[in-house]
Each structure stands twice: as structure tokens, then as C-alpha cells.
Protein backbone atom coordinates (compact mmCIF):
# COMPACT_ATOMS: atom_id res chain seq x y z
CA MET A 1 -8.61 -5.37 17.24
CA ASN A 2 -6.88 -7.14 20.11
CA TYR A 3 -3.47 -5.41 20.10
CA GLN A 4 -1.83 -3.57 22.95
CA ARG A 5 0.90 -1.94 20.88
CA VAL A 6 1.15 -0.93 17.21
CA ILE A 7 4.50 -0.15 15.57
CA ILE A 8 4.28 1.79 12.30
CA THR A 9 7.12 2.73 9.96
CA GLY A 10 6.65 5.64 7.58
CA ALA A 11 4.26 7.08 10.17
CA SER A 12 4.60 10.77 9.36
CA SER A 13 2.11 10.82 6.46
CA GLY A 14 0.08 8.73 4.02
CA PHE A 15 -0.83 5.19 5.01
CA GLY A 16 1.29 5.35 8.15
CA ALA A 17 -0.56 8.32 9.63
CA ALA A 18 -3.89 6.85 8.53
CA PHE A 19 -3.14 3.55 10.29
CA ALA A 20 -2.22 5.49 13.44
CA ARG A 21 -5.49 7.43 13.41
CA ARG A 22 -7.56 4.32 12.76
CA LEU A 23 -5.92 2.19 15.46
CA ALA A 24 -5.42 4.82 18.17
CA PRO A 25 -8.81 4.27 19.87
CA ASP A 26 -8.22 0.54 20.28
CA VAL A 27 -4.63 0.24 21.57
CA ARG A 28 -2.72 1.49 24.57
CA GLU A 29 0.51 2.38 22.75
CA LEU A 30 1.55 3.61 19.31
CA VAL A 31 5.20 3.58 18.21
CA LEU A 32 5.64 5.94 15.28
CA ILE A 33 8.79 5.66 13.15
CA ALA A 34 9.77 8.05 10.36
CA ARG A 35 12.37 10.66 9.40
CA ARG A 36 10.21 13.72 10.01
CA ARG A 37 9.93 14.20 13.76
CA ASP A 38 7.88 17.40 13.45
CA ARG A 39 5.08 15.67 11.59
CA MET A 40 5.01 12.78 14.03
CA GLU A 41 4.89 15.22 16.95
CA THR A 42 1.89 16.95 15.37
CA LEU A 43 0.18 13.58 14.89
CA ALA A 44 1.03 12.48 18.43
CA HIS A 45 -0.40 15.70 19.87
CA GLU A 46 -3.59 15.21 17.85
CA LEU A 47 -4.06 11.61 19.00
CA ALA A 48 -3.13 12.24 22.63
CA GLY A 49 -5.70 15.03 22.74
CA LYS A 50 -8.43 12.66 21.57
CA TYR A 51 -7.46 9.54 23.52
CA GLY A 52 -6.19 10.38 26.99
CA ASN A 53 -5.01 6.86 27.86
CA LEU A 54 -2.97 6.46 24.67
CA ALA A 55 0.84 6.52 24.86
CA VAL A 56 2.55 7.69 21.66
CA ASP A 57 6.24 6.90 21.32
CA ILE A 58 8.04 8.84 18.57
CA ARG A 59 11.18 7.36 16.99
CA ALA A 60 12.79 9.69 14.47
CA CYS A 61 14.86 7.45 12.20
CA ASP A 62 16.13 7.45 8.63
CA LEU A 63 15.48 3.82 7.70
CA SER A 64 17.80 4.09 4.71
CA ARG A 65 20.80 4.33 7.08
CA PRO A 66 21.75 0.89 8.45
CA GLU A 67 23.40 2.10 11.67
CA GLU A 68 20.56 4.47 12.51
CA ARG A 69 18.08 1.73 11.70
CA GLN A 70 19.85 -0.76 13.96
CA ASN A 71 19.88 1.69 16.87
CA MET A 72 16.13 2.12 16.46
CA ILE A 73 15.58 -1.65 16.34
CA ASP A 74 17.68 -2.07 19.48
CA CYS A 75 15.34 0.38 21.24
CA LEU A 76 12.29 -1.57 20.08
CA MET A 77 13.78 -4.78 21.44
CA ARG A 78 13.85 -3.20 24.91
CA LEU A 79 10.12 -2.46 24.96
CA SER A 80 8.02 -4.32 27.50
CA PRO A 81 6.23 -7.48 26.31
CA ALA A 82 2.90 -6.73 24.60
CA ARG A 83 0.65 -8.12 21.92
CA THR A 84 1.92 -6.11 18.96
CA LEU A 85 0.95 -5.29 15.40
CA LEU A 86 3.95 -4.39 13.24
CA ILE A 87 3.08 -2.34 10.14
CA ASN A 88 5.98 -2.04 7.70
CA ASN A 89 4.68 0.87 5.67
CA ALA A 90 7.79 2.93 4.88
CA GLY A 91 8.71 2.93 1.20
CA LEU A 92 10.51 4.96 -1.44
CA GLY A 93 10.09 5.21 -5.20
CA ASP A 94 11.89 6.84 -8.09
CA TYR A 95 10.30 7.30 -11.49
CA GLY A 96 12.61 7.33 -14.49
CA GLU A 97 15.00 5.20 -16.50
CA LEU A 98 17.60 3.23 -14.58
CA ALA A 99 20.42 4.55 -16.80
CA SER A 100 19.75 8.12 -15.67
CA SER A 101 18.97 7.29 -12.04
CA ASP A 102 20.91 8.45 -9.01
CA THR A 103 22.94 5.63 -7.48
CA ALA A 104 22.51 6.94 -3.94
CA ARG A 105 18.74 7.17 -4.40
CA ASN A 106 18.64 3.61 -5.71
CA ARG A 107 20.50 2.41 -2.63
CA GLN A 108 18.09 4.29 -0.37
CA MET A 109 15.13 2.57 -2.05
CA LEU A 110 16.63 -0.87 -1.53
CA GLU A 111 17.56 -0.10 2.08
CA VAL A 112 14.06 1.13 2.98
CA ASN A 113 11.86 -1.09 0.81
CA ILE A 114 13.75 -4.34 1.37
CA CYS A 115 16.42 -4.21 4.09
CA ALA A 116 14.52 -2.21 6.71
CA LEU A 117 11.35 -4.27 6.29
CA THR A 118 13.29 -7.54 6.48
CA GLU A 119 15.26 -6.47 9.55
CA MET A 120 12.15 -5.26 11.37
CA CYS A 121 10.46 -8.61 10.78
CA ARG A 122 13.57 -10.53 11.82
CA ALA A 123 14.00 -8.52 15.03
CA LEU A 124 10.38 -8.62 16.17
CA ALA A 125 9.26 -12.06 14.99
CA PRO A 126 10.46 -13.89 18.15
CA ALA A 127 8.63 -11.43 20.44
CA LEU A 128 5.48 -11.66 18.32
CA ALA A 129 5.60 -15.44 18.53
CA ALA A 130 6.16 -15.33 22.31
CA HIS A 131 3.65 -12.63 23.26
CA GLY A 132 1.23 -12.54 20.33
CA GLY A 133 0.90 -10.24 17.37
CA ASP A 134 0.86 -9.89 13.62
CA ILE A 135 2.70 -8.24 10.72
CA ILE A 136 1.32 -6.11 7.89
CA ASN A 137 3.75 -5.41 5.05
CA ILE A 138 2.75 -2.79 2.50
CA SER A 139 3.53 -4.11 -0.96
CA SER A 140 1.97 -2.95 -4.24
CA LEU A 141 -0.03 -4.08 -7.25
CA GLY A 142 3.22 -3.25 -9.05
CA ALA A 143 4.75 -6.37 -7.47
CA LEU A 144 3.01 -8.34 -10.22
CA LEU A 145 4.67 -6.41 -13.05
CA PRO A 146 8.04 -5.48 -14.50
CA ILE A 147 7.42 -1.73 -14.86
CA PRO A 148 9.66 0.31 -17.18
CA ASP A 149 10.82 3.55 -15.50
CA PHE A 150 9.78 2.10 -12.13
CA ALA A 151 12.00 -0.97 -12.31
CA ILE A 152 13.64 -0.92 -8.87
CA TYR A 153 10.45 0.01 -7.03
CA ALA A 154 8.36 -2.72 -8.68
CA ALA A 155 11.10 -5.31 -8.12
CA SER A 156 11.42 -4.32 -4.47
CA LYS A 157 7.68 -4.79 -3.99
CA ALA A 158 7.86 -8.19 -5.67
CA TYR A 159 10.37 -9.04 -2.94
CA VAL A 160 7.98 -7.78 -0.23
CA SER A 161 5.12 -9.93 -1.51
CA SER A 162 7.25 -13.07 -1.88
CA PHE A 163 8.98 -12.54 1.47
CA SER A 164 5.64 -12.01 3.22
CA GLU A 165 4.23 -15.25 1.81
CA ALA A 166 7.24 -17.24 2.99
CA LEU A 167 7.38 -15.59 6.41
CA ARG A 168 3.68 -16.26 6.89
CA LEU A 169 4.32 -19.99 6.44
CA GLU A 170 7.29 -19.91 8.82
CA LEU A 171 5.28 -18.18 11.56
CA LYS A 172 1.95 -19.93 11.02
CA SER A 173 2.43 -22.48 13.80
CA SER A 174 3.19 -19.69 16.29
CA GLY A 175 -0.11 -17.95 15.55
CA VAL A 176 1.52 -14.85 14.03
CA GLY A 177 -0.24 -13.62 10.90
CA VAL A 178 1.65 -11.99 8.03
CA LEU A 179 -0.24 -10.00 5.41
CA ALA A 180 0.97 -8.35 2.21
CA VAL A 181 -1.20 -5.39 1.22
CA CYS A 182 -1.03 -4.61 -2.50
CA PRO A 183 -2.79 -1.34 -3.36
CA GLY A 184 -2.94 0.13 -6.82
CA PRO A 185 -2.71 3.89 -7.44
CA VAL A 186 -3.45 5.90 -4.28
CA HIS A 187 -3.23 9.65 -3.76
CA THR A 188 -0.50 10.14 -1.13
CA GLU A 189 2.81 12.02 -0.97
CA PHE A 190 4.55 8.97 -2.43
CA GLY A 191 4.05 10.15 -6.02
CA ALA A 192 5.46 13.60 -5.37
CA VAL A 193 8.56 12.12 -3.73
CA ALA A 194 9.07 9.56 -6.52
CA ARG A 195 8.72 12.17 -9.27
CA ARG A 196 12.08 13.40 -10.53
CA GLU A 197 12.71 17.09 -11.08
CA GLY A 198 11.61 18.15 -14.54
CA PHE A 199 9.27 15.20 -15.09
CA THR A 200 5.87 16.28 -16.42
CA GLY A 201 4.31 12.99 -17.56
CA ASN A 202 1.96 10.52 -15.91
CA MET A 203 3.69 7.94 -13.73
CA THR A 204 0.61 5.70 -13.62
CA PRO A 205 -1.43 5.63 -16.85
CA GLY A 206 -5.05 4.72 -16.08
CA LYS A 207 -4.68 6.07 -12.54
CA ASP A 208 -8.09 7.77 -12.57
CA LEU A 209 -9.74 4.47 -13.48
CA PHE A 210 -8.09 2.44 -10.71
CA ASP A 211 -7.44 5.09 -8.04
CA THR A 212 -8.23 3.90 -4.50
CA ASP A 213 -8.63 6.14 -1.46
CA VAL A 214 -6.43 5.71 1.59
CA GLU A 215 -9.21 4.68 3.95
CA THR A 216 -10.22 1.82 1.64
CA VAL A 217 -6.66 0.49 1.79
CA ILE A 218 -6.53 0.76 5.60
CA THR A 219 -9.87 -1.00 5.98
CA ALA A 220 -8.85 -3.82 3.63
CA ALA A 221 -5.53 -4.28 5.45
CA LEU A 222 -7.07 -4.52 8.92
CA ARG A 223 -9.86 -6.78 7.72
CA GLY A 224 -7.31 -8.96 5.92
CA ILE A 225 -5.07 -9.47 8.95
CA SER A 226 -8.07 -10.19 11.19
CA ARG A 227 -9.19 -12.88 8.73
CA ARG A 228 -5.65 -14.33 8.55
CA LYS A 229 -5.31 -13.68 4.84
CA ALA A 230 -1.95 -13.85 3.06
CA CYS A 231 -2.53 -11.00 0.63
CA VAL A 232 -5.15 -8.36 -0.13
CA TYR A 233 -5.72 -6.13 -3.14
CA PRO A 234 -7.79 -3.22 -1.79
CA SER A 235 -10.98 -2.39 -3.73
CA PHE A 236 -12.98 -4.54 -6.11
CA LYS A 237 -11.33 -2.98 -9.17
CA ILE A 238 -7.81 -3.71 -7.97
CA THR A 239 -8.80 -7.26 -7.00
CA CYS A 240 -10.14 -7.87 -10.51
CA LEU A 241 -7.09 -6.29 -12.12
CA SER A 242 -4.73 -8.39 -10.00
CA PHE A 243 -6.57 -11.54 -11.07
CA LEU A 244 -6.20 -10.62 -14.74
CA LEU A 245 -2.51 -9.83 -14.32
CA ARG A 246 -1.83 -13.14 -12.60
CA MET A 247 -3.59 -15.01 -15.40
CA MET A 248 -1.63 -13.27 -18.17
CA PRO A 249 1.29 -15.19 -19.71
CA LEU A 250 4.62 -13.42 -19.30
CA PRO A 251 5.01 -12.75 -23.07
CA VAL A 252 1.68 -10.88 -23.00
CA ILE A 253 2.76 -8.84 -19.97
CA ARG A 254 6.02 -7.98 -21.74
CA MET A 255 4.10 -6.78 -24.78
CA VAL A 256 1.66 -4.71 -22.72
CA MET A 257 4.39 -3.09 -20.63
CA GLY A 258 6.40 -2.39 -23.79
CA LEU A 259 3.44 -0.42 -25.14
CA ARG A 260 2.93 1.49 -21.87
CA PRO A 261 2.94 5.26 -22.47
CA ARG A 262 6.24 6.80 -21.34
CA LYS A 263 6.71 10.55 -21.03
CA ILE A 264 10.15 11.01 -19.56
CA SER A 265 11.42 14.55 -19.99
CA SER A 266 14.72 14.94 -21.83
CA ASP A 267 16.51 16.48 -18.82
CA THR A 268 15.63 13.69 -16.39
């Protein structure tokens, strides 16, 4: 892929680390952004050992904190011009009823899933238009559904998908591609973080049937942006499921989601 620099949020694990490993051989600079500096340092050491000409820039930042986030963005704005791929991967979830949710956690989700992604795109879009580059925003199959017990997360991903579609049209004439990647269930640390203490149920019924591995998602994302697609649903099963969901009338979706198995523990 013809990028000189790749900027990845949520780069300490999961999709973020996988994107870094996949793209490291083909770029001259990686900018890794996440809260956990130690994990990024381990990843940077691994990649630098394999690819001697690769520069890895670590930016420890809690994207849920607006001032900390702005300081990080200001640093990015001072980077030298380069053809850049921005991957907005950072995301938070919380599984459980809204009425029993933690207000601070809800705010963190909105800050990371919506505000940070929007501000990163706003800050870097002019440079991408001037010097070349693209944007990959990690959304979710859940963007197509109102999901009980995952209400804020699913709604935030609906924002990501809609925002990405609109931004793509705004930037089309400048040659900047914008892609929304909408995976279904994937085995990463996301589920463990989203799971509330005491919860013993299944956050994603049917997960075993639709589970997709991380590398399939990465491959679909990079292929999608290279083909200038607007949205990809990684794996054939998820693509088929997304088609069915988009064809379903809203009353049917309401009925199906109302029947969705819910196993929320009494102390959540």
C-alpha cells in the first residue's frame, strides 16, 4: 500500500496492534496511540527488530480525556507532510442495562467512540487532502441494530458508520478515501473490557456461528480502502447477515431484538 505514515488509535492490542504488524513492512513510520504505553513499547520493539528502517512513534494518550486528546492532536499536526493512513480503531463498550450503568463510563464511551474519532478526522482531513492519504474508521455490525444492554455502544457505532459515509462524500473530490469497517463478533480484549463485574451471560448470542478472526477483518479493511469502498462487512457470513438486517423492516427488528436472550446478573 502506498502510504508513508500510518496513524493508529487503540494500538496497544486487538485490531490496532494487528494493523500495525500488517502495515509495518510497507511504511516508513507508524504512530501508535493508546493509553497503555508499556504494551505499545513492546510492540514497537518487536516491529523495530524486524524492520530496521521503520520509525515507531508512541503517543500514550487517554482518548476519553478531551484536554489530553487535544494535546495529542496538536502533536500530530506538527508532523512532517507525508501520505498518511489514519485508522480510528479505539473504542469502548459496556454491556448491561442503561439504568444500572455508570455515568462516567458512559461519558468515556461517547468521548472515545464518537468525539475522539470525529476530532481526529477533522484535524487530519486537510493534511490528507493536501498530501494524500485515507481514513479507516472501525464501526460494527451492531451499527445496524438497536441492541438492548448494548444501547450506547451500538448507537455510537451507528454514528461512526453514518459519519464515515458523509465524510467520504465531502472528501471524494480531494482523493481521500473514507472506509467504515463493520465486523461482527471478533475475539479480542474488547469483550472482557465491556463485560461488567458479576456478569456471567453471553453478550453476543450466536457468536460461535458468526465469529470472525482478526486477520480476516484487517485484510477486508485494507482491501476495502484500496478499492475505494465506503463500507465493508468482513467475512462472507457477516456480509450476508448485514444484507438481511438492512432488508428487515424496523418492526421486525424490534421484535427480534425484543426476543434476544438476556442474562444480566442481578448485581450488575
